[in-house]
Amino acid sequence: MTKKNETTTLITLAKRYARADRIAQHAALNAIVAALDFSQLFSNPIKARMKK
């Protein structure tokens, strides 16, 4: 998968997790990224995408 696909997939999973557990989307995204140990790999693209 390309980085864009991975980022999009993580964001989609975070949205679903947030809706299911009724938590904020950024908290869900942080939980998923931390659980998958992608914190270093995806921190910059996700922040860049959120700024747009």
Protein backbone atom coordinates (compact mmCIF):
# COMPACT_ATOMS: atom_id res chain seq x y z
CA MET A 1 0.00 0.00 0.00
CA THR A 2 1.11 3.51 -0.60
CA LYS A 3 1.43 5.96 2.26
CA LYS A 4 -1.69 7.80 1.10
CA ASN A 5 -3.71 4.58 1.15
CA GLU A 6 -2.38 3.66 4.58
CA THR A 7 -3.17 7.12 5.92
CA THR A 8 -6.67 7.06 4.46
CA THR A 9 -7.29 3.60 5.87
CA LEU A 10 -6.12 4.61 9.34
CA ILE A 11 -8.32 7.70 9.30
CA THR A 12 -11.33 5.65 8.19
CA LEU A 13 -10.74 3.08 10.93
CA ALA A 14 -10.34 5.86 13.48
CA LYS A 15 -13.67 7.40 12.43
CA ARG A 16 -15.44 4.06 12.81
CA TYR A 17 -13.79 3.42 16.17
CA ALA A 18 -14.72 6.92 17.38
CA ARG A 19 -18.35 6.49 16.39
CA ALA A 20 -18.57 3.05 17.97
CA ASP A 21 -17.02 4.13 21.28
CA ARG A 22 -18.38 7.71 21.21
CA ILE A 23 -14.99 9.34 21.59
CA ALA A 24 -13.30 12.17 19.72
CA GLN A 25 -11.85 11.25 16.34
CA HIS A 26 -8.38 12.52 17.18
CA ALA A 27 -8.37 10.37 20.33
CA ALA A 28 -9.42 7.33 18.29
CA LEU A 29 -6.74 8.04 15.69
CA ASN A 30 -4.10 8.35 18.41
CA ALA A 31 -5.24 5.06 19.96
CA ILE A 32 -5.11 3.19 16.64
CA VAL A 33 -1.74 4.63 15.64
CA ALA A 34 -0.28 3.83 19.07
CA ALA A 35 -1.68 0.27 19.03
CA LEU A 36 -0.22 -0.39 15.58
CA ASP A 37 3.08 1.31 16.50
CA PHE A 38 2.89 3.73 13.56
CA SER A 39 3.41 6.81 15.70
CA GLN A 40 6.67 7.85 14.01
CA LEU A 41 5.65 6.82 10.52
CA PHE A 42 2.29 8.57 10.24
CA SER A 43 2.49 11.55 12.57
CA ASN A 44 3.56 14.07 9.91
CA PRO A 45 1.24 13.08 7.00
CA ILE A 46 -1.79 12.99 9.27
CA LYS A 47 -1.00 16.40 10.73
CA ALA A 48 -0.40 17.79 7.25
CA ARG A 49 -3.72 16.41 6.03
CA MET A 50 -5.60 17.84 9.02
CA LYS A 51 -4.24 21.33 8.30
CA LYS A 52 -5.80 21.40 4.82
